[in-house]
Amino acid sequence: MGIRAEETPNPNALKFTTDKLIFQGDSSVSVMPGDTSEYEILNELMQLNGVDNVFGYQNFITVNKQFDAEWEQLSPKVIEVIENYGY
């Protein structure tokens, strides 16, 4: 089924869900500006122009965009990064 982008109550956040497990275990992972993660997929997402922070848990990643970024330009780039990791 691929990657599904779902709206959240926050208009600056989209949840990208896959059919495959991205993160093992019961712990969530978040990366804020200036931080890095042990998960390269999150570090690569943080490098996208317009991404403010990311949050990952099991089979989804929520991306929070910067206020002036537009989902129409950012969402395809996020999906491309996730797909490049095989999800």
PDB file of N, CA and C in Angstrom:
ATOM      1  N   MET A   1       0.826  -1.206   0.000  1.00  0.00           N
ATOM      2  CA  MET A   1       0.000   0.000   0.000  1.00  0.00           C
ATOM      3  C   MET A   1       0.862   1.260   0.000  1.00  0.00           C
ATOM      4  N   GLY A   2       2.119   1.154   0.390  1.00  0.00           N
ATOM      5  CA  GLY A   2       2.999   2.312   0.350  1.00  0.00           C
ATOM      6  C   GLY A   2       2.864   3.204   1.562  1.00  0.00           C
ATOM      7  N   ILE A   3       3.104   4.470   1.351  1.00  0.00           N
ATOM      8  CA  ILE A   3       3.111   5.457   2.429  1.00  0.00           C
ATOM      9  C   ILE A   3       1.843   6.287   2.347  1.00  0.00           C
ATOM     10  N   ARG A   4       1.195   6.437   3.483  1.00  0.00           N
ATOM     11  CA  ARG A   4      -0.019   7.248   3.568  1.00  0.00           C
ATOM     12  C   ARG A   4       0.271   8.499   4.389  1.00  0.00           C
ATOM     13  N   ALA A   5      -0.021   9.658   3.838  1.00  0.00           N
ATOM     14  CA  ALA A   5       0.104  10.920   4.560  1.00  0.00           C
ATOM     15  C   ALA A   5      -1.259  11.249   5.153  1.00  0.00           C
ATOM     16  N   GLU A   6      -1.276  11.430   6.465  1.00  0.00           N
ATOM     17  CA  GLU A   6      -2.529  11.708   7.167  1.00  0.00           C
ATOM     18  C   GLU A   6      -2.435  13.037   7.901  1.00  0.00           C
ATOM     19  N   GLU A   7      -3.511  13.796   7.845  1.00  0.00           N
ATOM     20  CA  GLU A   7      -3.556  15.052   8.586  1.00  0.00           C
ATOM     21  C   GLU A   7      -3.619  14.767  10.077  1.00  0.00           C
ATOM     22  N   THR A   8      -3.151  15.724  10.851  1.00  0.00           N
ATOM     23  CA  THR A   8      -3.225  15.664  12.313  1.00  0.00           C
ATOM     24  C   THR A   8      -3.984  16.904  12.778  1.00  0.00           C
ATOM     25  N   PRO A   9      -4.325  16.979  14.058  1.00  0.00           N
ATOM     26  CA  PRO A   9      -4.979  18.203  14.541  1.00  0.00           C
ATOM     27  C   PRO A   9      -4.112  19.455  14.368  1.00  0.00           C
ATOM     28  N   ASN A  10      -2.800  19.268  14.260  1.00  0.00           N
ATOM     29  CA  ASN A  10      -1.872  20.376  14.051  1.00  0.00           C
ATOM     30  C   ASN A  10      -1.687  20.575  12.546  1.00  0.00           C
ATOM     31  N   PRO A  11      -2.063  21.723  11.987  1.00  0.00           N
ATOM     32  CA  PRO A  11      -1.915  21.934  10.544  1.00  0.00           C
ATOM     33  C   PRO A  11      -0.455  21.954  10.083  1.00  0.00           C
ATOM     34  N   ASN A  12       0.481  22.096  11.006  1.00  0.00           N
ATOM     35  CA  ASN A  12       1.900  22.087  10.662  1.00  0.00           C
ATOM     36  C   ASN A  12       2.518  20.696  10.777  1.00  0.00           C
ATOM     37  N   ALA A  13       1.698  19.665  11.014  1.00  0.00           N
ATOM     38  CA  ALA A  13       2.207  18.298  11.153  1.00  0.00           C
ATOM     39  C   ALA A  13       1.429  17.346  10.257  1.00  0.00           C
ATOM     40  N   LEU A  14       2.156  16.440   9.603  1.00  0.00           N
ATOM     41  CA  LEU A  14       1.553  15.342   8.851  1.00  0.00           C
ATOM     42  C   LEU A  14       2.147  14.040   9.360  1.00  0.00           C
ATOM     43  N   LYS A  15       1.307  13.014   9.436  1.00  0.00           N
ATOM     44  CA  LYS A  15       1.724  11.684   9.877  1.00  0.00           C
ATOM     45  C   LYS A  15       1.877  10.807   8.638  1.00  0.00           C
ATOM     46  N   PHE A  16       3.074  10.256   8.444  1.00  0.00           N
ATOM     47  CA  PHE A  16       3.377   9.390   7.312  1.00  0.00           C
ATOM     48  C   PHE A  16       3.462   7.955   7.824  1.00  0.00           C
ATOM     49  N   THR A  17       2.498   7.127   7.422  1.00  0.00           N
ATOM     50  CA  THR A  17       2.373   5.758   7.918  1.00  0.00           C
ATOM     51  C   THR A  17       2.729   4.767   6.823  1.00  0.00           C
ATOM     52  N   THR A  18       3.440   3.690   7.208  1.00  0.00           N
ATOM     53  CA  THR A  18       3.800   2.629   6.273  1.00  0.00           C
ATOM     54  C   THR A  18       3.202   1.308   6.758  1.00  0.00           C
ATOM     55  N   ASP A  19       3.251   0.304   5.890  1.00  0.00           N
ATOM     56  CA  ASP A  19       2.808  -1.032   6.270  1.00  0.00           C
ATOM     57  C   ASP A  19       3.918  -1.828   6.944  1.00  0.00           C
ATOM     58  N   LYS A  20       5.126  -1.268   6.967  1.00  0.00           N
ATOM     59  CA  LYS A  20       6.281  -1.949   7.540  1.00  0.00           C
ATOM     60  C   LYS A  20       6.711  -1.269   8.832  1.00  0.00           C
ATOM     61  N   LEU A  21       7.325  -2.034   9.712  1.00  0.00           N
ATOM     62  CA  LEU A  21       7.846  -1.510  10.966  1.00  0.00           C
ATOM     63  C   LEU A  21       9.125  -0.731  10.682  1.00  0.00           C
ATOM     64  N   ILE A  22       9.162   0.519  11.091  1.00  0.00           N
ATOM     65  CA  ILE A  22      10.342   1.366  10.919  1.00  0.00           C
ATOM     66  C   ILE A  22      11.195   1.336  12.184  1.00  0.00           C
ATOM     67  N   PHE A  23      10.541   1.436  13.345  1.00  0.00           N
ATOM     68  CA  PHE A  23      11.221   1.517  14.636  1.00  0.00           C
ATOM     69  C   PHE A  23      10.820   0.332  15.507  1.00  0.00           C
ATOM     70  N   GLN A  24      11.801  -0.421  15.994  1.00  0.00           N
ATOM     71  CA  GLN A  24      11.549  -1.572  16.858  1.00  0.00           C
ATOM     72  C   GLN A  24      11.233  -1.106  18.283  1.00  0.00           C
ATOM     73  N   GLY A  25      10.495  -1.914  19.016  1.00  0.00           N
ATOM     74  CA  GLY A  25      10.264  -1.648  20.436  1.00  0.00           C
ATOM     75  C   GLY A  25       9.106  -0.728  20.709  1.00  0.00           C
ATOM     76  N   ASP A  26       9.005  -0.344  21.966  1.00  0.00           N
ATOM     77  CA  ASP A  26       7.890   0.478  22.426  1.00  0.00           C
ATOM     78  C   ASP A  26       8.277   1.924  22.721  1.00  0.00           C
ATOM     79  N   SER A  27       9.471   2.320  22.306  1.00  0.00           N
ATOM     80  CA  SER A  27       9.924   3.683  22.567  1.00  0.00           C
ATOM     81  C   SER A  27       9.761   4.535  21.313  1.00  0.00           C
ATOM     82  N   SER A  28       9.359   5.763  21.523  1.00  0.00           N
ATOM     83  CA  SER A  28       9.275   6.706  20.413  1.00  0.00           C
ATOM     84  C   SER A  28      10.617   7.424  20.278  1.00  0.00           C
ATOM     85  N   VAL A  29      10.817   8.020  19.111  1.00  0.00           N
ATOM     86  CA  VAL A  29      12.049   8.749  18.829  1.00  0.00           C
ATOM     87  C   VAL A  29      11.662  10.107  18.277  1.00  0.00           C
ATOM     88  N   SER A  30      12.251  11.156  18.805  1.00  0.00           N
ATOM     89  CA  SER A  30      12.000  12.483  18.242  1.00  0.00           C
ATOM     90  C   SER A  30      13.330  13.197  18.032  1.00  0.00           C
ATOM     91  N   VAL A  31      13.340  14.059  17.046  1.00  0.00           N
ATOM     92  CA  VAL A  31      14.528  14.846  16.734  1.00  0.00           C
ATOM     93  C   VAL A  31      14.095  16.300  16.591  1.00  0.00           C
ATOM     94  N   MET A  32      14.720  17.135  17.390  1.00  0.00           N
ATOM     95  CA  MET A  32      14.445  18.567  17.363  1.00  0.00           C
ATOM     96  C   MET A  32      15.581  19.270  16.612  1.00  0.00           C
ATOM     97  N   PRO A  33      15.389  20.528  16.219  1.00  0.00           N
ATOM     98  CA  PRO A  33      16.453  21.247  15.514  1.00  0.00           C
ATOM     99  C   PRO A  33      17.756  21.227  16.317  1.00  0.00           C
ATOM    100  N   GLY A  34      18.846  20.919  15.630  1.00  0.00           N
ATOM    101  CA  GLY A  34      20.155  20.859  16.273  1.00  0.00           C
ATOM    102  C   GLY A  34      20.505  19.491  16.837  1.00  0.00           C
ATOM    103  N   ASP A  35      19.536  18.575  16.892  1.00  0.00           N
ATOM    104  CA  ASP A  35      19.774  17.231  17.406  1.00  0.00           C
ATOM    105  C   ASP A  35      20.001  16.259  16.245  1.00  0.00           C
ATOM    106  N   THR A  36      20.569  15.111  16.581  1.00  0.00           N
ATOM    107  CA  THR A  36      20.658  14.017  15.630  1.00  0.00           C
ATOM    108  C   THR A  36      20.132  12.754  16.296  1.00  0.00           C
ATOM    109  N   SER A  37      19.843  11.757  15.492  1.00  0.00           N
ATOM    110  CA  SER A  37      19.271  10.511  15.965  1.00  0.00           C
ATOM    111  C   SER A  37      20.158   9.348  15.544  1.00  0.00           C
ATOM    112  N   GLU A  38      20.003   8.223  16.209  1.00  0.00           N
ATOM    113  CA  GLU A  38      20.673   6.999  15.770  1.00  0.00           C
ATOM    114  C   GLU A  38      20.031   6.470  14.487  1.00  0.00           C
ATOM    115  N   TYR A  39      18.862   6.982  14.138  1.00  0.00           N
ATOM    116  CA  TYR A  39      18.141   6.575  12.933  1.00  0.00           C
ATOM    117  C   TYR A  39      18.426   7.558  11.808  1.00  0.00           C
ATOM    118  N   GLU A  40      19.160   7.100  10.793  1.00  0.00           N
ATOM    119  CA  GLU A  40      19.536   7.976   9.679  1.00  0.00           C
ATOM    120  C   GLU A  40      18.320   8.532   8.940  1.00  0.00           C
ATOM    121  N   ILE A  41      17.231   7.760   8.886  1.00  0.00           N
ATOM    122  CA  ILE A  41      16.032   8.236   8.193  1.00  0.00           C
ATOM    123  C   ILE A  41      15.534   9.543   8.813  1.00  0.00           C
ATOM    124  N   LEU A  42      15.589   9.639  10.137  1.00  0.00           N
ATOM    125  CA  LEU A  42      15.149  10.861  10.810  1.00  0.00           C
ATOM    126  C   LEU A  42      16.134  11.999  10.568  1.00  0.00           C
ATOM    127  N   ASN A  43      17.429  11.695  10.574  1.00  0.00           N
ATOM    128  CA  ASN A  43      18.430  12.735  10.308  1.00  0.00           C
ATOM    129  C   ASN A  43      18.277  13.292   8.892  1.00  0.00           C
ATOM    130  N   GLU A  44      17.997  12.400   7.943  1.00  0.00           N
ATOM    131  CA  GLU A  44      17.827  12.852   6.562  1.00  0.00           C
ATOM    132  C   GLU A  44      16.568  13.708   6.420  1.00  0.00           C
ATOM    133  N   LEU A  45      15.499  13.331   7.101  1.00  0.00           N
ATOM    134  CA  LEU A  45      14.282  14.145   7.063  1.00  0.00           C
ATOM    135  C   LEU A  45      14.529  15.529   7.662  1.00  0.00           C
ATOM    136  N   MET A  46      15.321  15.582   8.723  1.00  0.00           N
ATOM    137  CA  MET A  46      15.612  16.874   9.358  1.00  0.00           C
ATOM    138  C   MET A  46      16.410  17.796   8.431  1.00  0.00           C
ATOM    139  N   GLN A  47      17.097  17.233   7.451  1.00  0.00           N
ATOM    140  CA  GLN A  47      17.894  18.041   6.524  1.00  0.00           C
ATOM    141  C   GLN A  47      17.052  18.652   5.405  1.00  0.00           C
ATOM    142  N   LEU A  48      15.813  18.195   5.261  1.00  0.00           N
ATOM    143  CA  LEU A  48      14.946  18.757   4.228  1.00  0.00           C
ATOM    144  C   LEU A  48      14.594  20.201   4.562  1.00  0.00           C
ATOM    145  N   ASN A  49      14.663  21.051   3.563  1.00  0.00           N
ATOM    146  CA  ASN A  49      14.292  22.446   3.747  1.00  0.00           C
ATOM    147  C   ASN A  49      12.810  22.532   4.111  1.00  0.00           C
ATOM    148  N   GLY A  50      12.504  23.133   5.243  1.00  0.00           N
ATOM    149  CA  GLY A  50      11.122  23.299   5.678  1.00  0.00           C
ATOM    150  C   GLY A  50      10.715  22.393   6.822  1.00  0.00           C
ATOM    151  N   VAL A  51      11.547  21.388   7.157  1.00  0.00           N
ATOM    152  CA  VAL A  51      11.220  20.493   8.276  1.00  0.00           C
ATOM    153  C   VAL A  51      11.691  21.125   9.578  1.00  0.00           C
ATOM    154  N   ASP A  52      10.801  21.174  10.575  1.00  0.00           N
ATOM    155  CA  ASP A  52      11.146  21.726  11.886  1.00  0.00           C
ATOM    156  C   ASP A  52      11.585  20.628  12.846  1.00  0.00           C
ATOM    157  N   ASN A  53      10.793  19.548  12.962  1.00  0.00           N
ATOM    158  CA  ASN A  53      11.156  18.424  13.820  1.00  0.00           C
ATOM    159  C   ASN A  53      10.401  17.189  13.369  1.00  0.00           C
ATOM    160  N   VAL A  54      10.855  16.024  13.850  1.00  0.00           N
ATOM    161  CA  VAL A  54      10.249  14.751  13.460  1.00  0.00           C
ATOM    162  C   VAL A  54      10.046  13.885  14.697  1.00  0.00           C
ATOM    163  N   PHE A  55       9.065  12.990  14.596  1.00  0.00           N
ATOM    164  CA  PHE A  55       8.728  12.065  15.668  1.00  0.00           C
ATOM    165  C   PHE A  55       8.426  10.715  15.033  1.00  0.00           C
ATOM    166  N   GLY A  56       9.027   9.668  15.526  1.00  0.00           N
ATOM    167  CA  GLY A  56       8.792   8.353  14.961  1.00  0.00           C
ATOM    168  C   GLY A  56       8.380   7.346  16.014  1.00  0.00           C
ATOM    169  N   TYR A  57       7.489   6.425  15.624  1.00  0.00           N
ATOM    170  CA  TYR A  57       7.052   5.343  16.506  1.00  0.00           C
ATOM    171  C   TYR A  57       6.548   4.187  15.645  1.00  0.00           C
ATOM    172  N   GLN A  58       7.124   3.045  15.832  1.00  0.00           N
ATOM    173  CA  GLN A  58       6.762   1.807  15.147  1.00  0.00           C
ATOM    174  C   GLN A  58       6.641   1.984  13.638  1.00  0.00           C
ATOM    175  N   ASN A  59       5.446   2.185  13.085  1.00  0.00           N
ATOM    176  CA  ASN A  59       5.307   2.235  11.618  1.00  0.00           C
ATOM    177  C   ASN A  59       4.941   3.622  11.077  1.00  0.00           C
ATOM    178  N   PHE A  60       5.217   4.674  11.846  1.00  0.00           N
ATOM    179  CA  PHE A  60       4.925   6.009  11.310  1.00  0.00           C
ATOM    180  C   PHE A  60       5.967   7.035  11.738  1.00  0.00           C
ATOM    181  N   ILE A  61       6.031   8.092  10.946  1.00  0.00           N
ATOM    182  CA  ILE A  61       6.854   9.262  11.255  1.00  0.00           C
ATOM    183  C   ILE A  61       5.967  10.485  11.102  1.00  0.00           C
ATOM    184  N   THR A  62       5.912  11.299  12.130  1.00  0.00           N
ATOM    185  CA  THR A  62       5.199  12.575  12.050  1.00  0.00           C
ATOM    186  C   THR A  62       6.228  13.663  11.795  1.00  0.00           C
ATOM    187  N   VAL A  63       5.976  14.453  10.764  1.00  0.00           N
ATOM    188  CA  VAL A  63       6.857  15.547  10.394  1.00  0.00           C
ATOM    189  C   VAL A  63       6.154  16.854  10.709  1.00  0.00           C
ATOM    190  N   ASN A  64       6.835  17.710  11.463  1.00  0.00           N
ATOM    191  CA  ASN A  64       6.347  19.058  11.730  1.00  0.00           C
ATOM    192  C   ASN A  64       7.121  20.011  10.832  1.00  0.00           C
ATOM    193  N   LYS A  65       6.384  20.796  10.061  1.00  0.00           N
ATOM    194  CA  LYS A  65       7.026  21.711   9.129  1.00  0.00           C
ATOM    195  C   LYS A  65       7.215  23.076   9.778  1.00  0.00           C
ATOM    196  N   GLN A  66       8.141  23.832   9.211  1.00  0.00           N
ATOM    197  CA  GLN A  66       8.298  25.210   9.628  1.00  0.00           C
ATOM    198  C   GLN A  66       7.084  26.005   9.176  1.00  0.00           C
ATOM    199  N   PHE A  67       6.789  27.058   9.890  1.00  0.00           N
ATOM    200  CA  PHE A  67       5.567  27.823   9.662  1.00  0.00           C
ATOM    201  C   PHE A  67       5.408  28.278   8.214  1.00  0.00           C
ATOM    202  N   ASP A  68       6.503  28.687   7.587  1.00  0.00           N
ATOM    203  CA  ASP A  68       6.403  29.239   6.225  1.00  0.00           C
ATOM    204  C   ASP A  68       6.539  28.186   5.125  1.00  0.00           C
ATOM    205  N   ALA A  69       6.734  26.921   5.477  1.00  0.00           N
ATOM    206  CA  ALA A  69       6.836  25.850   4.473  1.00  0.00           C
ATOM    207  C   ALA A  69       5.439  25.426   4.016  1.00  0.00           C
ATOM    208  N   GLU A  70       5.355  24.910   2.807  1.00  0.00           N
ATOM    209  CA  GLU A  70       4.088  24.458   2.237  1.00  0.00           C
ATOM    210  C   GLU A  70       4.118  22.946   2.059  1.00  0.00           C
ATOM    211  N   TRP A  71       3.054  22.256   2.492  1.00  0.00           N
ATOM    212  CA  TRP A  71       2.983  20.802   2.366  1.00  0.00           C
ATOM    213  C   TRP A  71       3.049  20.346   0.915  1.00  0.00           C
ATOM    214  N   GLU A  72       2.527  21.140  -0.013  1.00  0.00           N
ATOM    215  CA  GLU A  72       2.518  20.745  -1.419  1.00  0.00           C
ATOM    216  C   GLU A  72       3.938  20.490  -1.927  1.00  0.00           C
ATOM    217  N   GLN A  73       4.916  21.269  -1.451  1.00  0.00           N
ATOM    218  CA  GLN A  73       6.303  21.078  -1.855  1.00  0.00           C
ATOM    219  C   GLN A  73       7.029  20.088  -0.945  1.00  0.00           C
ATOM    220  N   LEU A  74       6.707  20.091   0.333  1.00  0.00           N
ATOM    221  CA  LEU A  74       7.457  19.296   1.307  1.00  0.00           C
ATOM    222  C   LEU A  74       7.043  17.826   1.340  1.00  0.00           C
ATOM    223  N   SER A  75       5.772  17.540   1.260  1.00  0.00           N
ATOM    224  CA  SER A  75       5.270  16.177   1.398  1.00  0.00           C
ATOM    225  C   SER A  75       5.896  15.194   0.399  1.00  0.00           C
ATOM    226  N   PRO A  76       6.006  15.527  -0.897  1.00  0.00           N
ATOM    227  CA  PRO A  76       6.641  14.581  -1.831  1.00  0.00           C
ATOM    228  C   PRO A  76       8.096  14.280  -1.477  1.00  0.00           C
ATOM    229  N   LYS A  77       8.808  15.265  -0.935  1.00  0.00           N
ATOM    230  CA  LYS A  77      10.200  15.070  -0.541  1.00  0.00           C
ATOM    231  C   LYS A  77      10.285  14.129   0.662  1.00  0.00           C
ATOM    232  N   VAL A  78       9.363  14.279   1.612  1.00  0.00           N
ATOM    233  CA  VAL A  78       9.330  13.392   2.783  1.00  0.00           C
ATOM    234  C   VAL A  78       9.056  11.964   2.330  1.00  0.00           C
ATOM    235  N   ILE A  79       8.071  11.789   1.470  1.00  0.00           N
ATOM    236  CA  ILE A  79       7.734  10.458   0.967  1.00  0.00           C
ATOM    237  C   ILE A  79       8.922   9.846   0.229  1.00  0.00           C
ATOM    238  N   GLU A  80       9.627  10.639  -0.550  1.00  0.00           N
ATOM    239  CA  GLU A  80      10.797  10.136  -1.285  1.00  0.00           C
ATOM    240  C   GLU A  80      11.870   9.617  -0.323  1.00  0.00           C
ATOM    241  N   VAL A  81      12.143  10.356   0.743  1.00  0.00           N
ATOM    242  CA  VAL A  81      13.137   9.917   1.725  1.00  0.00           C
ATOM    243  C   VAL A  81      12.704   8.598   2.348  1.00  0.00           C
ATOM    244  N   ILE A  82      11.457   8.505   2.767  1.00  0.00           N
ATOM    245  CA  ILE A  82      10.961   7.274   3.411  1.00  0.00           C
ATOM    246  C   ILE A  82      11.034   6.102   2.433  1.00  0.00           C
ATOM    247  N   GLU A  83      10.634   6.316   1.192  1.00  0.00           N
ATOM    248  CA  GLU A  83      10.686   5.256   0.178  1.00  0.00           C
ATOM    249  C   GLU A  83      12.119   4.815  -0.101  1.00  0.00           C
ATOM    250  N   ASN A  84      13.065   5.751  -0.066  1.00  0.00           N
ATOM    251  CA  ASN A  84      14.466   5.422  -0.312  1.00  0.00           C
ATOM    252  C   ASN A  84      15.016   4.467   0.752  1.00  0.00           C
ATOM    253  N   TYR A  85      14.384   4.413   1.907  1.00  0.00           N
ATOM    254  CA  TYR A  85      14.781   3.485   2.973  1.00  0.00           C
ATOM    255  C   TYR A  85      14.012   2.173   2.893  1.00  0.00           C
ATOM    256  N   GLY A  86      13.222   2.009   1.845  1.00  0.00           N
ATOM    257  CA  GLY A  86      12.556   0.748   1.616  1.00  0.00           C
ATOM    258  C   GLY A  86      11.194   0.602   2.267  1.00  0.00           C
ATOM    259  N   TYR A  87      10.594   1.700   2.664  1.00  0.00           N
ATOM    260  CA  TYR A  87       9.277   1.616   3.313  1.00  0.00           C
ATOM    261  C   TYR A  87       8.159   2.039   2.400  1.00  0.00           C
TER     262      TYR A  87
END
